[in-house]
Amino acid sequence: MERRKQYMNPYLAGFLIGLFMIAAYFFSGEGLGASGSLKSVVVAGVNVIAPNYAKEATFYKSYVEKPDSLPIKTWLVFEVLGVIVGAIISATIAGRLGSEIGKPPHITNKTRLIAAGVGGVFFGIGSQLGRGCTSGMVMSGMGVLSLSGFIGLIAIFGGGYMIAYFFRKLWI
């Protein structure tokens, strides 16, 4: 297996993420996260397709009544678009832009894509039940020195290590 050259010092990357977190709190009054942008797009879509339902349903109603609920007015949508465009630019500059499906040899592309899709749906549901995604909770929580941010970090990585033990044979 070919080892790729590391282009960014992880300590510098962590420091820069911290600076961006401070800037996000300063300029917008809220931390960084990705799940809020998807919620904004879904709410706007429901409002366009079924405006009467959006005005009556409890979940959508609270967002539709706000004048700033449109995705074009939600800075988190632009954050996520910036992450996507930035990743494409970074991969292009580094000569790593391409497409591949990361998987072990004994799993088919179709199985891997189905598993990724199901995992994405569960992540989306969980992020809404938990009122945000894990990375946003940890970064934003730790950014304001919230105990829940630190506990979340321990739970996420600890849970990941415990679950990885049971699923490791899928990748061997």
Protein backbone atom coordinates (compact mmCIF):
# COMPACT_ATOMS: atom_id res chain seq x y z
CA MET A 1 0.00 0.00 0.00
CA GLU A 2 1.40 3.37 -1.02
CA ARG A 3 1.77 5.93 1.75
CA ARG A 4 0.65 9.41 0.72
CA LYS A 5 2.64 12.48 1.63
CA GLN A 6 1.23 14.49 4.53
CA TYR A 7 0.64 18.09 3.45
CA MET A 8 -0.71 19.64 6.64
CA ASN A 9 0.72 19.48 10.10
CA PRO A 10 -2.13 18.14 12.29
CA TYR A 11 -1.16 20.46 15.16
CA LEU A 12 -1.33 23.47 12.86
CA ALA A 13 -4.69 22.23 11.52
CA GLY A 14 -6.06 21.94 15.08
CA PHE A 15 -4.81 25.43 15.90
CA LEU A 16 -6.46 26.85 12.77
CA ILE A 17 -9.75 25.09 13.56
CA GLY A 18 -9.60 26.71 16.99
CA LEU A 19 -9.09 30.14 15.42
CA PHE A 20 -12.02 29.56 13.07
CA MET A 21 -14.15 28.53 16.04
CA ILE A 22 -13.31 31.77 17.86
CA ALA A 23 -14.11 33.75 14.70
CA ALA A 24 -17.42 31.88 14.27
CA TYR A 25 -18.50 32.74 17.82
CA PHE A 26 -17.36 36.35 17.41
CA PHE A 27 -19.06 37.02 14.08
CA SER A 28 -22.17 34.80 14.28
CA GLY A 29 -22.67 34.01 17.95
CA GLU A 30 -22.63 30.26 17.28
CA GLY A 31 -20.09 27.51 16.70
CA LEU A 32 -19.24 25.43 13.66
CA GLY A 33 -21.28 22.43 12.57
CA ALA A 34 -22.73 20.81 9.48
CA SER A 35 -26.11 19.36 10.39
CA GLY A 36 -27.80 22.77 10.65
CA SER A 37 -27.20 23.46 6.97
CA LEU A 38 -28.97 20.30 5.85
CA LYS A 39 -31.89 21.11 8.13
CA SER A 40 -32.14 24.59 6.54
CA VAL A 41 -32.22 23.11 3.04
CA VAL A 42 -34.84 20.50 4.01
CA VAL A 43 -37.06 23.09 5.71
CA ALA A 44 -36.85 25.37 2.66
CA GLY A 45 -37.62 22.45 0.34
CA VAL A 46 -40.69 21.43 2.35
CA ASN A 47 -41.79 25.07 2.42
CA VAL A 48 -41.56 25.28 -1.38
CA ILE A 49 -43.23 21.91 -2.08
CA ALA A 50 -45.90 21.99 0.65
CA PRO A 51 -46.13 25.49 2.15
CA ASN A 52 -49.41 24.83 3.99
CA TYR A 53 -47.95 21.74 5.66
CA ALA A 54 -44.79 23.66 6.61
CA LYS A 55 -46.88 26.39 8.25
CA GLU A 56 -48.95 23.89 10.26
CA ALA A 57 -46.43 21.18 11.25
CA THR A 58 -44.86 21.90 14.62
CA PHE A 59 -41.28 21.18 13.53
CA TYR A 60 -41.35 23.21 10.31
CA LYS A 61 -43.56 25.98 11.66
CA SER A 62 -40.90 27.26 14.05
CA TYR A 63 -38.43 27.63 11.18
CA VAL A 64 -40.78 28.88 8.45
CA GLU A 65 -42.06 31.72 10.65
CA LYS A 66 -38.54 33.14 10.94
CA PRO A 67 -37.60 35.47 8.08
CA ASP A 68 -33.98 34.23 8.19
CA SER A 69 -34.95 30.58 7.73
CA LEU A 70 -34.16 30.49 4.01
CA PRO A 71 -31.01 28.48 3.21
CA ILE A 72 -29.57 31.44 1.29
CA LYS A 73 -29.68 33.41 4.56
CA THR A 74 -28.16 30.66 6.70
CA TRP A 75 -24.39 30.96 6.95
CA LEU A 76 -24.03 27.25 7.83
CA VAL A 77 -25.11 26.37 4.27
CA PHE A 78 -22.22 28.45 2.95
CA GLU A 79 -19.89 26.86 5.51
CA VAL A 80 -20.67 23.39 4.13
CA LEU A 81 -20.40 24.58 0.51
CA GLY A 82 -17.04 26.13 1.42
CA VAL A 83 -15.85 22.84 2.92
CA ILE A 84 -16.81 20.99 -0.27
CA VAL A 85 -15.21 23.54 -2.60
CA GLY A 86 -12.15 23.82 -0.34
CA ALA A 87 -11.70 20.04 -0.35
CA ILE A 88 -11.84 19.96 -4.15
CA ILE A 89 -9.31 22.80 -4.43
CA SER A 90 -7.01 21.19 -1.86
CA ALA A 91 -7.15 17.78 -3.56
CA THR A 92 -6.50 19.37 -6.95
CA ILE A 93 -3.45 21.30 -5.69
CA ALA A 94 -2.09 18.17 -3.98
CA GLY A 95 -2.67 16.06 -7.09
CA ARG A 96 -5.07 13.74 -5.25
CA LEU A 97 -8.36 14.59 -6.95
CA GLY A 98 -10.05 11.42 -8.13
CA SER A 99 -12.78 9.01 -7.23
CA GLU A 100 -12.55 5.70 -5.48
CA ILE A 101 -14.65 3.69 -3.08
CA GLY A 102 -12.69 2.86 0.06
CA LYS A 103 -13.48 -0.69 1.10
CA PRO A 104 -11.86 -4.01 1.92
CA PRO A 105 -11.40 -6.46 -0.98
CA HIS A 106 -14.16 -8.87 0.06
CA ILE A 107 -16.96 -6.23 -0.01
CA THR A 108 -18.52 -5.15 -3.29
CA ASN A 109 -18.90 -1.53 -4.31
CA LYS A 110 -22.69 -1.88 -4.15
CA THR A 111 -22.58 -3.24 -0.57
CA ARG A 112 -20.20 -0.47 0.51
CA LEU A 113 -22.37 2.26 -1.00
CA ILE A 114 -25.55 0.82 0.57
CA ALA A 115 -23.82 0.59 3.97
CA ALA A 116 -22.56 4.16 3.64
CA GLY A 117 -26.05 5.37 2.70
CA VAL A 118 -27.70 3.59 5.62
CA GLY A 119 -25.01 4.91 7.97
CA GLY A 120 -25.57 8.42 6.63
CA VAL A 121 -29.31 8.20 7.25
CA PHE A 122 -28.71 7.00 10.83
CA PHE A 123 -26.19 9.80 11.36
CA GLY A 124 -28.66 12.37 10.04
CA ILE A 125 -31.44 11.11 12.28
CA GLY A 126 -29.11 10.98 15.28
CA SER A 127 -27.80 14.47 14.65
CA GLN A 128 -31.34 15.84 14.69
CA LEU A 129 -32.34 13.89 17.79
CA GLY A 130 -29.18 15.11 19.49
CA ARG A 131 -29.71 18.67 18.22
CA GLY A 132 -26.50 18.72 16.20
CA CYS A 133 -23.72 16.61 14.76
CA THR A 134 -20.94 15.12 16.83
CA SER A 135 -18.16 17.28 15.43
CA GLY A 136 -20.16 20.45 15.98
CA MET A 137 -21.04 19.39 19.52
CA VAL A 138 -17.45 18.58 20.43
CA MET A 139 -15.85 21.58 18.72
CA SER A 140 -18.48 24.07 19.77
CA GLY A 141 -18.83 22.59 23.25
CA MET A 142 -15.11 22.50 23.91
CA GLY A 143 -14.75 25.95 22.34
CA VAL A 144 -16.81 27.41 25.19
CA LEU A 145 -15.28 25.01 27.77
CA SER A 146 -18.57 23.19 28.26
CA LEU A 147 -18.33 19.96 30.22
CA SER A 148 -20.68 18.32 27.69
CA GLY A 149 -18.16 19.03 24.91
CA PHE A 150 -15.39 17.20 26.76
CA ILE A 151 -17.67 14.32 27.76
CA GLY A 152 -18.88 14.13 24.15
CA LEU A 153 -15.29 13.90 22.88
CA ILE A 154 -14.53 11.03 25.27
CA ALA A 155 -17.80 9.26 24.38
CA ILE A 156 -17.31 9.64 20.62
CA PHE A 157 -13.73 8.39 20.51
CA GLY A 158 -14.24 5.82 23.27
CA GLY A 159 -17.36 4.48 21.55
CA GLY A 160 -15.54 4.44 18.23
CA TYR A 161 -12.68 2.37 19.63
CA MET A 162 -15.07 -0.08 21.31
CA ILE A 163 -17.22 -0.52 18.20
CA ALA A 164 -14.16 -0.76 15.93
CA TYR A 165 -13.07 -3.87 17.84
CA PHE A 166 -16.22 -5.70 16.75
CA PHE A 167 -16.13 -4.51 13.13
CA ARG A 168 -12.38 -4.79 12.51
CA LYS A 169 -12.73 -8.09 10.66
CA LEU A 170 -14.72 -6.34 7.93
CA TRP A 171 -11.54 -4.48 6.96
CA ILE A 172 -8.99 -7.28 7.38
